[in-house]
């Protein structure tokens, strides 16, 4: 059965509407950031705003659905890196991919950071899952002697969020520039 925000299967027309809403949300969030009007998403999808809210009761529920695939891929990547890579390299690679995934839409980094402390948010569980994945990779890197032992998970994730946020503030930043910021961060955190 296909995953949907609700437990019951969707009718064919409802699935088409949801798919159009998701496609238009991706487009509009790429153009204008996550604060783009939900009414405009519905209009571009050719449905009423009530249809949008039936599928996605909040902006965060819509974002969670859009991010689910990316976060599933990040979890899978972390598992693969943990099996096949040196712990320090695994943490670096996963962190780069995490920053890329969370800077896809302007404003997303701030929304994700805020939801870590809001269990009522539709994004909270997804953010907690990414926090757990990052914490596990950080712990492995610490145990291997690759990371400073005095750096907490919260400190590490705050620094990662800072790099992601700064990249978001430079819309023309190249992947090279993001990598450079992460390299600078890791140089301060890795053991010599």
C-alpha atoms as a PDB file:
ATOM      1  CA  UNK A   1       0.000   0.000   0.000  1.00  0.00           C
ATOM      2  CA  UNK A   2       1.211   3.513  -0.792  1.00  0.00           C
ATOM      3  CA  UNK A   3       2.242   5.716   2.146  1.00  0.00           C
ATOM      4  CA  UNK A   4      -0.088   8.648   2.709  1.00  0.00           C
ATOM      5  CA  UNK A   5      -0.632  11.074   5.571  1.00  0.00           C
ATOM      6  CA  UNK A   6      -3.746   9.075   6.529  1.00  0.00           C
ATOM      7  CA  UNK A   7      -4.027   5.322   7.063  1.00  0.00           C
ATOM      8  CA  UNK A   8      -6.684   4.534   4.444  1.00  0.00           C
ATOM      9  CA  UNK A   9      -5.937   4.159   0.729  1.00  0.00           C
ATOM     10  CA  UNK A  10      -6.666   7.149  -1.492  1.00  0.00           C
ATOM     11  CA  UNK A  11      -9.206   7.182  -4.319  1.00  0.00           C
ATOM     12  CA  UNK A  12      -7.606   7.722  -7.735  1.00  0.00           C
ATOM     13  CA  UNK A  13      -8.794  11.341  -7.969  1.00  0.00           C
ATOM     14  CA  UNK A  14      -7.600  12.106  -4.425  1.00  0.00           C
ATOM     15  CA  UNK A  15      -4.208  10.594  -5.230  1.00  0.00           C
ATOM     16  CA  UNK A  16      -3.942  12.745  -8.380  1.00  0.00           C
ATOM     17  CA  UNK A  17      -4.841  15.828  -6.330  1.00  0.00           C
ATOM     18  CA  UNK A  18      -2.267  14.970  -3.653  1.00  0.00           C
ATOM     19  CA  UNK A  19       0.422  14.330  -6.251  1.00  0.00           C
ATOM     20  CA  UNK A  20      -0.308  17.676  -7.971  1.00  0.00           C
ATOM     21  CA  UNK A  21      -0.234  19.444  -4.585  1.00  0.00           C
ATOM     22  CA  UNK A  22       3.141  17.893  -3.776  1.00  0.00           C
ATOM     23  CA  UNK A  23       4.600  18.819  -7.160  1.00  0.00           C
ATOM     24  CA  UNK A  24       3.363  22.408  -6.942  1.00  0.00           C
ATOM     25  CA  UNK A  25       4.560  22.687  -3.329  1.00  0.00           C
ATOM     26  CA  UNK A  26       8.050  21.540  -4.378  1.00  0.00           C
ATOM     27  CA  UNK A  27       8.084  24.118  -7.176  1.00  0.00           C
ATOM     28  CA  UNK A  28       6.806  27.001  -5.082  1.00  0.00           C
ATOM     29  CA  UNK A  29       9.023  26.199  -2.083  1.00  0.00           C
ATOM     30  CA  UNK A  30      12.029  26.115  -4.433  1.00  0.00           C
ATOM     31  CA  UNK A  31      11.020  29.484  -5.886  1.00  0.00           C
ATOM     32  CA  UNK A  32       9.998  31.311  -2.711  1.00  0.00           C
ATOM     33  CA  UNK A  33      10.945  29.256   0.328  1.00  0.00           C
ATOM     34  CA  UNK A  34       8.787  27.423   2.828  1.00  0.00           C
ATOM     35  CA  UNK A  35       6.746  30.505   3.681  1.00  0.00           C
ATOM     36  CA  UNK A  36       5.147  30.514   0.232  1.00  0.00           C
ATOM     37  CA  UNK A  37       1.347  30.837   0.538  1.00  0.00           C
ATOM     38  CA  UNK A  38      -0.438  27.505   0.806  1.00  0.00           C
ATOM     39  CA  UNK A  39      -3.359  29.066  -1.098  1.00  0.00           C
ATOM     40  CA  UNK A  40      -1.048  29.599  -4.067  1.00  0.00           C
ATOM     41  CA  UNK A  41       0.070  25.965  -3.936  1.00  0.00           C
ATOM     42  CA  UNK A  42      -3.574  24.887  -4.074  1.00  0.00           C
ATOM     43  CA  UNK A  43      -4.322  27.299  -6.928  1.00  0.00           C
ATOM     44  CA  UNK A  44      -1.325  26.110  -8.959  1.00  0.00           C
ATOM     45  CA  UNK A  45      -2.434  22.516  -8.383  1.00  0.00           C
ATOM     46  CA  UNK A  46      -5.927  23.373  -9.631  1.00  0.00           C
ATOM     47  CA  UNK A  47      -7.659  22.462  -6.360  1.00  0.00           C
ATOM     48  CA  UNK A  48      -9.306  24.371  -3.555  1.00  0.00           C
ATOM     49  CA  UNK A  49      -7.465  25.183  -0.362  1.00  0.00           C
ATOM     50  CA  UNK A  50      -9.788  22.765   1.486  1.00  0.00           C
ATOM     51  CA  UNK A  51      -8.372  19.917  -0.597  1.00  0.00           C
ATOM     52  CA  UNK A  52      -4.853  20.932   0.391  1.00  0.00           C
ATOM     53  CA  UNK A  53      -5.799  20.974   4.084  1.00  0.00           C
ATOM     54  CA  UNK A  54      -7.562  17.596   3.819  1.00  0.00           C
ATOM     55  CA  UNK A  55      -4.291  16.068   2.640  1.00  0.00           C
ATOM     56  CA  UNK A  56      -1.939  18.229   4.705  1.00  0.00           C
ATOM     57  CA  UNK A  57      -3.589  19.880   7.733  1.00  0.00           C
ATOM     58  CA  UNK A  58      -0.571  22.141   8.385  1.00  0.00           C
ATOM     59  CA  UNK A  59       2.408  23.564   6.514  1.00  0.00           C
ATOM     60  CA  UNK A  60       4.612  21.315   8.669  1.00  0.00           C
ATOM     61  CA  UNK A  61       2.637  18.229   7.613  1.00  0.00           C
ATOM     62  CA  UNK A  62       3.241  19.172   3.967  1.00  0.00           C
ATOM     63  CA  UNK A  63       6.944  19.714   4.620  1.00  0.00           C
ATOM     64  CA  UNK A  64       7.205  16.426   6.509  1.00  0.00           C
ATOM     65  CA  UNK A  65       5.748  14.580   3.550  1.00  0.00           C
ATOM     66  CA  UNK A  66       8.104  16.336   1.129  1.00  0.00           C
ATOM     67  CA  UNK A  67      11.122  15.577   3.333  1.00  0.00           C
ATOM     68  CA  UNK A  68      10.227  11.973   4.174  1.00  0.00           C
ATOM     69  CA  UNK A  69      11.946  10.521   1.129  1.00  0.00           C
ATOM     70  CA  UNK A  70      15.083  12.616   1.707  1.00  0.00           C
ATOM     71  CA  UNK A  71      15.262  11.659   5.376  1.00  0.00           C
ATOM     72  CA  UNK A  72      14.678   7.977   4.557  1.00  0.00           C
ATOM     73  CA  UNK A  73      17.604   8.196   2.132  1.00  0.00           C
ATOM     74  CA  UNK A  74      19.758   9.897   4.797  1.00  0.00           C
ATOM     75  CA  UNK A  75      18.964   7.111   7.273  1.00  0.00           C
ATOM     76  CA  UNK A  76      19.846   4.480   4.693  1.00  0.00           C
ATOM     77  CA  UNK A  77      23.052   6.346   3.833  1.00  0.00           C
ATOM     78  CA  UNK A  78      24.043   6.497   7.508  1.00  0.00           C
ATOM     79  CA  UNK A  79      23.562   2.740   7.849  1.00  0.00           C
ATOM     80  CA  UNK A  80      25.617   2.102   4.717  1.00  0.00           C
ATOM     81  CA  UNK A  81      28.393   4.474   5.811  1.00  0.00           C
ATOM     82  CA  UNK A  82      28.480   2.932   9.292  1.00  0.00           C
ATOM     83  CA  UNK A  83      29.076  -0.497   7.718  1.00  0.00           C
ATOM     84  CA  UNK A  84      31.517   0.486   5.011  1.00  0.00           C
ATOM     85  CA  UNK A  85      33.413   3.653   5.945  1.00  0.00           C
ATOM     86  CA  UNK A  86      35.918   4.848   8.507  1.00  0.00           C
ATOM     87  CA  UNK A  87      33.855   6.550  11.280  1.00  0.00           C
ATOM     88  CA  UNK A  88      35.262  10.047  10.767  1.00  0.00           C
ATOM     89  CA  UNK A  89      34.750   9.891   7.012  1.00  0.00           C
ATOM     90  CA  UNK A  90      31.243   8.480   7.521  1.00  0.00           C
ATOM     91  CA  UNK A  91      30.291  11.391   9.772  1.00  0.00           C
ATOM     92  CA  UNK A  92      31.711  13.942   7.320  1.00  0.00           C
ATOM     93  CA  UNK A  93      29.904  12.433   4.316  1.00  0.00           C
ATOM     94  CA  UNK A  94      26.567  12.086   6.116  1.00  0.00           C
ATOM     95  CA  UNK A  95      26.816  15.639   7.446  1.00  0.00           C
ATOM     96  CA  UNK A  96      27.438  17.020   3.958  1.00  0.00           C
ATOM     97  CA  UNK A  97      24.437  15.145   2.592  1.00  0.00           C
ATOM     98  CA  UNK A  98      22.304  16.281   5.544  1.00  0.00           C
ATOM     99  CA  UNK A  99      23.214  19.928   4.890  1.00  0.00           C
ATOM    100  CA  UNK A 100      22.376  19.500   1.198  1.00  0.00           C
ATOM    101  CA  UNK A 101      18.987  17.964   2.063  1.00  0.00           C
ATOM    102  CA  UNK A 102      18.051  20.635   4.581  1.00  0.00           C
ATOM    103  CA  UNK A 103      18.980  23.614   2.418  1.00  0.00           C
ATOM    104  CA  UNK A 104      16.825  22.630  -0.527  1.00  0.00           C
ATOM    105  CA  UNK A 105      14.127  25.179   0.470  1.00  0.00           C
ATOM    106  CA  UNK A 106      14.848  28.634   1.904  1.00  0.00           C
ATOM    107  CA  UNK A 107      13.673  28.817   5.523  1.00  0.00           C
ATOM    108  CA  UNK A 108      13.733  25.063   6.071  1.00  0.00           C
ATOM    109  CA  UNK A 109      16.757  25.021   8.390  1.00  0.00           C
ATOM    110  CA  UNK A 110      15.059  27.357  10.862  1.00  0.00           C
ATOM    111  CA  UNK A 111      11.824  25.364  10.753  1.00  0.00           C
ATOM    112  CA  UNK A 112      13.641  22.084  11.386  1.00  0.00           C
ATOM    113  CA  UNK A 113      15.681  23.554  14.224  1.00  0.00           C
ATOM    114  CA  UNK A 114      12.560  24.959  15.887  1.00  0.00           C
ATOM    115  CA  UNK A 115      10.682  21.658  15.700  1.00  0.00           C
ATOM    116  CA  UNK A 116      13.322  19.783  17.687  1.00  0.00           C
ATOM    117  CA  UNK A 117      11.859  21.449  20.754  1.00  0.00           C
ATOM    118  CA  UNK A 118       8.207  21.132  19.716  1.00  0.00           C
ATOM    119  CA  UNK A 119       6.880  17.575  20.128  1.00  0.00           C
ATOM    120  CA  UNK A 120       3.519  18.716  18.736  1.00  0.00           C
ATOM    121  CA  UNK A 121       5.043  19.596  15.367  1.00  0.00           C
ATOM    122  CA  UNK A 122       4.460  17.332  12.385  1.00  0.00           C
ATOM    123  CA  UNK A 123       8.202  17.600  11.693  1.00  0.00           C
ATOM    124  CA  UNK A 124       9.310  16.661  15.219  1.00  0.00           C
ATOM    125  CA  UNK A 125       9.566  12.885  14.713  1.00  0.00           C
ATOM    126  CA  UNK A 126      11.517  13.299  11.462  1.00  0.00           C
ATOM    127  CA  UNK A 127      13.889  15.765  13.117  1.00  0.00           C
ATOM    128  CA  UNK A 128      14.384  13.478  16.102  1.00  0.00           C
ATOM    129  CA  UNK A 129      15.177  10.619  13.746  1.00  0.00           C
ATOM    130  CA  UNK A 130      17.862  12.732  11.996  1.00  0.00           C
ATOM    131  CA  UNK A 131      19.172  13.810  15.410  1.00  0.00           C
ATOM    132  CA  UNK A 132      19.494  10.138  16.402  1.00  0.00           C
ATOM    133  CA  UNK A 133      21.248   9.189  13.169  1.00  0.00           C
ATOM    134  CA  UNK A 134      23.708  12.069  13.550  1.00  0.00           C
ATOM    135  CA  UNK A 135      24.277  11.226  17.224  1.00  0.00           C
ATOM    136  CA  UNK A 136      25.074   7.598  16.368  1.00  0.00           C
ATOM    137  CA  UNK A 137      27.595   8.585  13.695  1.00  0.00           C
ATOM    138  CA  UNK A 138      29.163  11.156  16.033  1.00  0.00           C
ATOM    139  CA  UNK A 139      29.466   8.555  18.816  1.00  0.00           C
ATOM    140  CA  UNK A 140      31.185   6.122  16.432  1.00  0.00           C
ATOM    141  CA  UNK A 141      33.626   8.843  15.337  1.00  0.00           C
ATOM    142  CA  UNK A 142      34.343   9.718  18.983  1.00  0.00           C
ATOM    143  CA  UNK A 143      34.910   6.054  19.898  1.00  0.00           C
ATOM    144  CA  UNK A 144      37.339   5.734  16.977  1.00  0.00           C
ATOM    145  CA  UNK A 145      39.263   8.728  18.263  1.00  0.00           C
ATOM    146  CA  UNK A 146      38.376  10.852  15.236  1.00  0.00           C
ATOM    147  CA  UNK A 147      36.323  13.508  17.063  1.00  0.00           C
ATOM    148  CA  UNK A 148      36.945  15.472  20.222  1.00  0.00           C
ATOM    149  CA  UNK A 149      35.381  13.695  23.171  1.00  0.00           C
ATOM    150  CA  UNK A 150      34.113  16.922  24.735  1.00  0.00           C
ATOM    151  CA  UNK A 151      31.774  17.807  21.858  1.00  0.00           C
ATOM    152  CA  UNK A 152      28.170  16.952  22.715  1.00  0.00           C
ATOM    153  CA  UNK A 153      25.594  15.871  20.180  1.00  0.00           C
ATOM    154  CA  UNK A 154      23.708  19.125  20.751  1.00  0.00           C
ATOM    155  CA  UNK A 155      26.830  21.195  20.128  1.00  0.00           C
ATOM    156  CA  UNK A 156      27.643  19.241  16.988  1.00  0.00           C
ATOM    157  CA  UNK A 157      24.125  19.565  15.593  1.00  0.00           C
ATOM    158  CA  UNK A 158      24.018  23.268  16.438  1.00  0.00           C
ATOM    159  CA  UNK A 159      27.216  23.777  14.442  1.00  0.00           C
ATOM    160  CA  UNK A 160      25.805  21.744  11.538  1.00  0.00           C
ATOM    161  CA  UNK A 161      22.609  23.827  11.628  1.00  0.00           C
ATOM    162  CA  UNK A 162      24.762  26.958  11.584  1.00  0.00           C
ATOM    163  CA  UNK A 163      26.601  25.787   8.485  1.00  0.00           C
ATOM    164  CA  UNK A 164      23.295  24.866   6.830  1.00  0.00           C
ATOM    165  CA  UNK A 165      21.762  28.222   7.779  1.00  0.00           C
ATOM    166  CA  UNK A 166      24.761  30.169   6.484  1.00  0.00           C
ATOM    167  CA  UNK A 167      24.570  28.256   3.202  1.00  0.00           C
ATOM    168  CA  UNK A 168      20.894  29.151   3.000  1.00  0.00           C
ATOM    169  CA  UNK A 169      21.817  32.831   3.362  1.00  0.00           C
ATOM    170  CA  UNK A 170      24.061  32.543   0.309  1.00  0.00           C
ATOM    171  CA  UNK A 171      21.583  31.399  -2.356  1.00  0.00           C
ATOM    172  CA  UNK A 172      24.303  31.309  -4.994  1.00  0.00           C
ATOM    173  CA  UNK A 173      26.642  29.248  -2.808  1.00  0.00           C
ATOM    174  CA  UNK A 174      28.180  26.374  -4.690  1.00  0.00           C
ATOM    175  CA  UNK A 175      28.504  22.869  -3.286  1.00  0.00           C
ATOM    176  CA  UNK A 176      32.228  23.649  -2.990  1.00  0.00           C
ATOM    177  CA  UNK A 177      31.488  26.567  -0.638  1.00  0.00           C
ATOM    178  CA  UNK A 178      29.257  24.389   1.566  1.00  0.00           C
ATOM    179  CA  UNK A 179      31.970  21.736   1.686  1.00  0.00           C
ATOM    180  CA  UNK A 180      34.480  24.414   2.656  1.00  0.00           C
ATOM    181  CA  UNK A 181      32.311  25.581   5.571  1.00  0.00           C
ATOM    182  CA  UNK A 182      31.893  21.992   6.741  1.00  0.00           C
ATOM    183  CA  UNK A 183      35.638  21.370   6.430  1.00  0.00           C
ATOM    184  CA  UNK A 184      36.335  24.394   8.603  1.00  0.00           C
ATOM    185  CA  UNK A 185      33.828  23.124  11.160  1.00  0.00           C
ATOM    186  CA  UNK A 186      35.327  19.619  11.174  1.00  0.00           C
ATOM    187  CA  UNK A 187      38.881  20.961  11.506  1.00  0.00           C
ATOM    188  CA  UNK A 188      37.841  22.434  14.841  1.00  0.00           C
ATOM    189  CA  UNK A 189      36.100  19.249  15.990  1.00  0.00           C
ATOM    190  CA  UNK A 190      38.438  16.487  14.864  1.00  0.00           C
ATOM    191  CA  UNK A 191      41.206  15.162  17.022  1.00  0.00           C
ATOM    192  CA  UNK A 192      44.712  15.761  15.789  1.00  0.00           C
END
